Amino acid sequence: VASLQHGDATLDSTARALKVSSRT
């Protein structure tokens, strides 16, 4: 949801927000 608000709802942006790697 936060990523959508910033216009960048990608796996990478979600992972970054959660402080984990995309692969994790």
PDB file of all heavy atoms in Angstrom:
ATOM      1  N   VAL A   1       0.846  -1.204   0.000  1.00  0.00           N
ATOM      2  CA  VAL A   1       0.000   0.000   0.000  1.00  0.00           C
ATOM      3  C   VAL A   1       0.878   1.249   0.000  1.00  0.00           C
ATOM      4  O   VAL A   1       0.649   2.188  -0.763  1.00  0.00           O
ATOM      5  CB  VAL A   1      -0.984   0.014   1.197  1.00  0.00           C
ATOM      6  CG1 VAL A   1      -1.662   1.370   1.344  1.00  0.00           C
ATOM      7  CG2 VAL A   1      -2.017  -1.090   1.043  1.00  0.00           C
ATOM      8  N   ALA A   2       1.900   1.247   0.845  1.00  0.00           N
ATOM      9  CA  ALA A   2       2.819   2.391   0.905  1.00  0.00           C
ATOM     10  C   ALA A   2       3.532   2.573  -0.439  1.00  0.00           C
ATOM     11  O   ALA A   2       3.704   3.699  -0.911  1.00  0.00           O
ATOM     12  CB  ALA A   2       3.833   2.199   2.027  1.00  0.00           C
ATOM     13  N   SER A   3       3.913   1.470  -1.056  1.00  0.00           N
ATOM     14  CA  SER A   3       4.567   1.534  -2.367  1.00  0.00           C
ATOM     15  C   SER A   3       3.621   2.116  -3.414  1.00  0.00           C
ATOM     16  O   SER A   3       4.038   2.894  -4.268  1.00  0.00           O
ATOM     17  CB  SER A   3       5.034   0.145  -2.813  1.00  0.00           C
ATOM     18  OG  SER A   3       6.036  -0.342  -1.968  1.00  0.00           O
ATOM     19  N   LEU A   4       2.355   1.730  -3.355  1.00  0.00           N
ATOM     20  CA  LEU A   4       1.366   2.288  -4.288  1.00  0.00           C
ATOM     21  C   LEU A   4       1.269   3.798  -4.129  1.00  0.00           C
ATOM     22  O   LEU A   4       1.185   4.532  -5.111  1.00  0.00           O
ATOM     23  CB  LEU A   4      -0.018   1.662  -4.051  1.00  0.00           C
ATOM     24  CG  LEU A   4      -0.269   0.285  -4.626  1.00  0.00           C
ATOM     25  CD1 LEU A   4      -1.596  -0.266  -4.121  1.00  0.00           C
ATOM     26  CD2 LEU A   4      -0.242   0.297  -6.143  1.00  0.00           C
ATOM     27  N   GLN A   5       1.293   4.250  -2.882  1.00  0.00           N
ATOM     28  CA  GLN A   5       1.190   5.689  -2.626  1.00  0.00           C
ATOM     29  C   GLN A   5       2.375   6.457  -3.198  1.00  0.00           C
ATOM     30  O   GLN A   5       2.245   7.617  -3.548  1.00  0.00           O
ATOM     31  CB  GLN A   5       1.060   5.949  -1.128  1.00  0.00           C
ATOM     32  CG  GLN A   5      -0.263   5.473  -0.581  1.00  0.00           C
ATOM     33  CD  GLN A   5      -0.350   5.563   0.927  1.00  0.00           C
ATOM     34  OE1 GLN A   5       0.641   5.486   1.633  1.00  0.00           O
ATOM     35  NE2 GLN A   5      -1.568   5.719   1.423  1.00  0.00           N
ATOM     36  N   HIS A   6       3.519   5.766  -3.306  1.00  0.00           N
ATOM     37  CA  HIS A   6       4.703   6.403  -3.879  1.00  0.00           C
ATOM     38  C   HIS A   6       4.829   6.127  -5.370  1.00  0.00           C
ATOM     39  O   HIS A   6       5.790   6.547  -5.996  1.00  0.00           O
ATOM     40  CB  HIS A   6       5.972   5.925  -3.156  1.00  0.00           C
ATOM     41  CG  HIS A   6       6.007   6.365  -1.730  1.00  0.00           C
ATOM     42  ND1 HIS A   6       5.777   5.507  -0.685  1.00  0.00           N
ATOM     43  CD2 HIS A   6       6.209   7.595  -1.181  1.00  0.00           C
ATOM     44  CE1 HIS A   6       5.847   6.177   0.444  1.00  0.00           C
ATOM     45  NE2 HIS A   6       6.097   7.442   0.184  1.00  0.00           N
ATOM     46  N   GLY A   7       3.872   5.382  -5.926  1.00  0.00           N
ATOM     47  CA  GLY A   7       3.876   5.103  -7.349  1.00  0.00           C
ATOM     48  C   GLY A   7       4.883   4.062  -7.784  1.00  0.00           C
ATOM     49  O   GLY A   7       5.278   4.031  -8.953  1.00  0.00           O
ATOM     50  N   ASP A   8       5.319   3.208  -6.866  1.00  0.00           N
ATOM     51  CA  ASP A   8       6.357   2.233  -7.193  1.00  0.00           C
ATOM     52  C   ASP A   8       6.091   0.924  -6.460  1.00  0.00           C
ATOM     53  O   ASP A   8       6.819   0.561  -5.548  1.00  0.00           O
ATOM     54  CB  ASP A   8       7.728   2.807  -6.795  1.00  0.00           C
ATOM     55  CG  ASP A   8       8.877   1.876  -7.161  1.00  0.00           C
ATOM     56  OD1 ASP A   8       8.727   1.101  -8.120  1.00  0.00           O
ATOM     57  OD2 ASP A   8       9.911   1.928  -6.476  1.00  0.00           O
ATOM     58  N   ALA A   9       5.054   0.213  -6.855  1.00  0.00           N
ATOM     59  CA  ALA A   9       4.670  -1.016  -6.156  1.00  0.00           C
ATOM     60  C   ALA A   9       5.353  -2.234  -6.763  1.00  0.00           C
ATOM     61  O   ALA A   9       4.712  -3.183  -7.189  1.00  0.00           O
ATOM     62  CB  ALA A   9       3.164  -1.175  -6.176  1.00  0.00           C
ATOM     63  N   THR A  10       6.662  -2.203  -6.782  1.00  0.00           N
ATOM     64  CA  THR A  10       7.429  -3.325  -7.321  1.00  0.00           C
ATOM     65  C   THR A  10       7.902  -4.222  -6.185  1.00  0.00           C
ATOM     66  O   THR A  10       7.876  -3.832  -5.016  1.00  0.00           O
ATOM     67  CB  THR A  10       8.662  -2.828  -8.088  1.00  0.00           C
ATOM     68  OG1 THR A  10       9.510  -2.118  -7.174  1.00  0.00           O
ATOM     69  CG2 THR A  10       8.272  -1.917  -9.253  1.00  0.00           C
ATOM     70  N   LEU A  11       8.341  -5.411  -6.557  1.00  0.00           N
ATOM     71  CA  LEU A  11       8.918  -6.329  -5.580  1.00  0.00           C
ATOM     72  C   LEU A  11      10.100  -5.662  -4.880  1.00  0.00           C
ATOM     73  O   LEU A  11      10.222  -5.730  -3.650  1.00  0.00           O
ATOM     74  CB  LEU A  11       9.355  -7.623  -6.261  1.00  0.00           C
ATOM     75  CG  LEU A  11      10.124  -8.615  -5.387  1.00  0.00           C
ATOM     76  CD1 LEU A  11       9.226  -9.185  -4.300  1.00  0.00           C
ATOM     77  CD2 LEU A  11      10.698  -9.732  -6.243  1.00  0.00           C
ATOM     78  N   ASP A  12      10.947  -5.009  -5.642  1.00  0.00           N
ATOM     79  CA  ASP A  12      12.137  -4.359  -5.068  1.00  0.00           C
ATOM     80  C   ASP A  12      11.765  -3.277  -4.054  1.00  0.00           C
ATOM     81  O   ASP A  12      12.355  -3.208  -2.975  1.00  0.00           O
ATOM     82  CB  ASP A  12      13.012  -3.752  -6.170  1.00  0.00           C
ATOM     83  CG  ASP A  12      13.703  -4.806  -7.004  1.00  0.00           C
ATOM     84  OD1 ASP A  12      13.866  -5.945  -6.527  1.00  0.00           O
ATOM     85  OD2 ASP A  12      14.079  -4.485  -8.147  1.00  0.00           O
ATOM     86  N   SER A  13      10.775  -2.442  -4.387  1.00  0.00           N
ATOM     87  CA  SER A  13      10.411  -1.364  -3.457  1.00  0.00           C
ATOM     88  C   SER A  13       9.753  -1.925  -2.200  1.00  0.00           C
ATOM     89  O   SER A  13       9.981  -1.425  -1.105  1.00  0.00           O
ATOM     90  CB  SER A  13       9.491  -0.343  -4.134  1.00  0.00           C
ATOM     91  OG  SER A  13       8.255  -0.923  -4.468  1.00  0.00           O
ATOM     92  N   THR A  14       8.960  -2.983  -2.363  1.00  0.00           N
ATOM     93  CA  THR A  14       8.333  -3.613  -1.201  1.00  0.00           C
ATOM     94  C   THR A  14       9.395  -4.236  -0.304  1.00  0.00           C
ATOM     95  O   THR A  14       9.375  -4.059   0.921  1.00  0.00           O
ATOM     96  CB  THR A  14       7.310  -4.674  -1.646  1.00  0.00           C
ATOM     97  OG1 THR A  14       6.335  -4.057  -2.486  1.00  0.00           O
ATOM     98  CG2 THR A  14       6.611  -5.306  -0.454  1.00  0.00           C
ATOM     99  N   ALA A  15      10.335  -4.943  -0.907  1.00  0.00           N
ATOM    100  CA  ALA A  15      11.420  -5.573  -0.140  1.00  0.00           C
ATOM    101  C   ALA A  15      12.248  -4.514   0.580  1.00  0.00           C
ATOM    102  O   ALA A  15      12.587  -4.671   1.759  1.00  0.00           O
ATOM    103  CB  ALA A  15      12.300  -6.401  -1.065  1.00  0.00           C
ATOM    104  N   ARG A  16      12.551  -3.427  -0.116  1.00  0.00           N
ATOM    105  CA  ARG A  16      13.329  -2.345   0.497  1.00  0.00           C
ATOM    106  C   ARG A  16      12.596  -1.782   1.707  1.00  0.00           C
ATOM    107  O   ARG A  16      13.199  -1.561   2.758  1.00  0.00           O
ATOM    108  CB  ARG A  16      13.549  -1.243  -0.544  1.00  0.00           C
ATOM    109  CG  ARG A  16      14.915  -0.693  -0.590  1.00  0.00           C
ATOM    110  CD  ARG A  16      15.179   0.395  -1.627  1.00  0.00           C
ATOM    111  NE  ARG A  16      14.115   0.813  -2.507  1.00  0.00           N
ATOM    112  CZ  ARG A  16      13.904   0.336  -3.742  1.00  0.00           C
ATOM    113  NH1 ARG A  16      14.673  -0.590  -4.247  1.00  0.00           N
ATOM    114  NH2 ARG A  16      12.911   0.805  -4.484  1.00  0.00           N
ATOM    115  N   ALA A  17      11.290  -1.565   1.575  1.00  0.00           N
ATOM    116  CA  ALA A  17      10.499  -1.026   2.688  1.00  0.00           C
ATOM    117  C   ALA A  17      10.489  -1.976   3.882  1.00  0.00           C
ATOM    118  O   ALA A  17      10.433  -1.545   5.027  1.00  0.00           O
ATOM    119  CB  ALA A  17       9.068  -0.755   2.229  1.00  0.00           C
ATOM    120  N   LEU A  18      10.567  -3.280   3.598  1.00  0.00           N
ATOM    121  CA  LEU A  18      10.547  -4.286   4.662  1.00  0.00           C
ATOM    122  C   LEU A  18      11.950  -4.627   5.170  1.00  0.00           C
ATOM    123  O   LEU A  18      12.105  -5.455   6.069  1.00  0.00           O
ATOM    124  CB  LEU A  18       9.851  -5.553   4.161  1.00  0.00           C
ATOM    125  CG  LEU A  18       8.363  -5.379   3.836  1.00  0.00           C
ATOM    126  CD1 LEU A  18       7.848  -6.575   3.053  1.00  0.00           C
ATOM    127  CD2 LEU A  18       7.560  -5.182   5.114  1.00  0.00           C
ATOM    128  N   LYS A  19      12.956  -4.000   4.542  1.00  0.00           N
ATOM    129  CA  LYS A  19      14.362  -4.202   4.935  1.00  0.00           C
ATOM    130  C   LYS A  19      14.822  -5.658   4.780  1.00  0.00           C
ATOM    131  O   LYS A  19      15.504  -6.201   5.646  1.00  0.00           O
ATOM    132  CB  LYS A  19      14.613  -3.698   6.347  1.00  0.00           C
ATOM    133  CG  LYS A  19      14.400  -2.193   6.483  1.00  0.00           C
ATOM    134  CD  LYS A  19      14.663  -1.722   7.882  1.00  0.00           C
ATOM    135  CE  LYS A  19      14.574  -0.261   8.076  1.00  0.00           C
ATOM    136  NZ  LYS A  19      13.571   0.507   7.464  1.00  0.00           N
ATOM    137  N   VAL A  20      14.393  -6.272   3.661  1.00  0.00           N
ATOM    138  CA  VAL A  20      14.869  -7.600   3.288  1.00  0.00           C
ATOM    139  C   VAL A  20      15.217  -7.554   1.805  1.00  0.00           C
ATOM    140  O   VAL A  20      14.803  -6.640   1.085  1.00  0.00           O
ATOM    141  CB  VAL A  20      13.817  -8.718   3.543  1.00  0.00           C
ATOM    142  CG1 VAL A  20      13.482  -8.834   5.020  1.00  0.00           C
ATOM    143  CG2 VAL A  20      12.565  -8.494   2.732  1.00  0.00           C
ATOM    144  N   SER A  21      15.964  -8.539   1.349  1.00  0.00           N
ATOM    145  CA  SER A  21      16.281  -8.576  -0.075  1.00  0.00           C
ATOM    146  C   SER A  21      15.067  -9.042  -0.866  1.00  0.00           C
ATOM    147  O   SER A  21      14.175  -9.708  -0.331  1.00  0.00           O
ATOM    148  CB  SER A  21      17.464  -9.522  -0.336  1.00  0.00           C
ATOM    149  OG  SER A  21      17.045 -10.869  -0.203  1.00  0.00           O
ATOM    150  N   SER A  22      15.050  -8.712  -2.137  1.00  0.00           N
ATOM    151  CA  SER A  22      13.949  -9.127  -3.012  1.00  0.00           C
ATOM    152  C   SER A  22      13.829 -10.643  -3.044  1.00  0.00           C
ATOM    153  O   SER A  22      12.733 -11.196  -2.980  1.00  0.00           O
ATOM    154  CB  SER A  22      14.163  -8.606  -4.431  1.00  0.00           C
ATOM    155  OG  SER A  22      14.183  -7.211  -4.440  1.00  0.00           O
ATOM    156  N   ARG A  23      14.968 -11.311  -3.140  1.00  0.00           N
ATOM    157  CA  ARG A  23      14.956 -12.780  -3.209  1.00  0.00           C
ATOM    158  C   ARG A  23      14.439 -13.389  -1.906  1.00  0.00           C
ATOM    159  O   ARG A  23      13.679 -14.354  -1.930  1.00  0.00           O
ATOM    160  CB  ARG A  23      16.368 -13.303  -3.537  1.00  0.00           C
ATOM    161  CG  ARG A  23      16.419 -14.788  -3.732  1.00  0.00           C
ATOM    162  CD  ARG A  23      15.596 -15.222  -4.953  1.00  0.00           C
ATOM    163  NE  ARG A  23      15.464 -16.662  -4.958  1.00  0.00           N
ATOM    164  CZ  ARG A  23      14.315 -17.326  -4.961  1.00  0.00           C
ATOM    165  NH1 ARG A  23      13.181 -16.676  -5.002  1.00  0.00           N
ATOM    166  NH2 ARG A  23      14.290 -18.624  -4.954  1.00  0.00           N
ATOM    167  N   THR A  24      14.831 -12.825  -0.768  1.00  0.00           N
ATOM    168  CA  THR A  24      14.341 -13.313   0.523  1.00  0.00           C
ATOM    169  C   THR A  24      12.832 -13.149   0.599  1.00  0.00           C
ATOM    170  O   THR A  24      12.120 -14.054   1.038  1.00  0.00           O
ATOM    171  CB  THR A  24      15.027 -12.570   1.689  1.00  0.00           C
ATOM    172  OG1 THR A  24      16.430 -12.855   1.640  1.00  0.00           O
ATOM    173  CG2 THR A  24      14.475 -12.975   3.036  1.00  0.00           C
TER     174      THR A  24
END
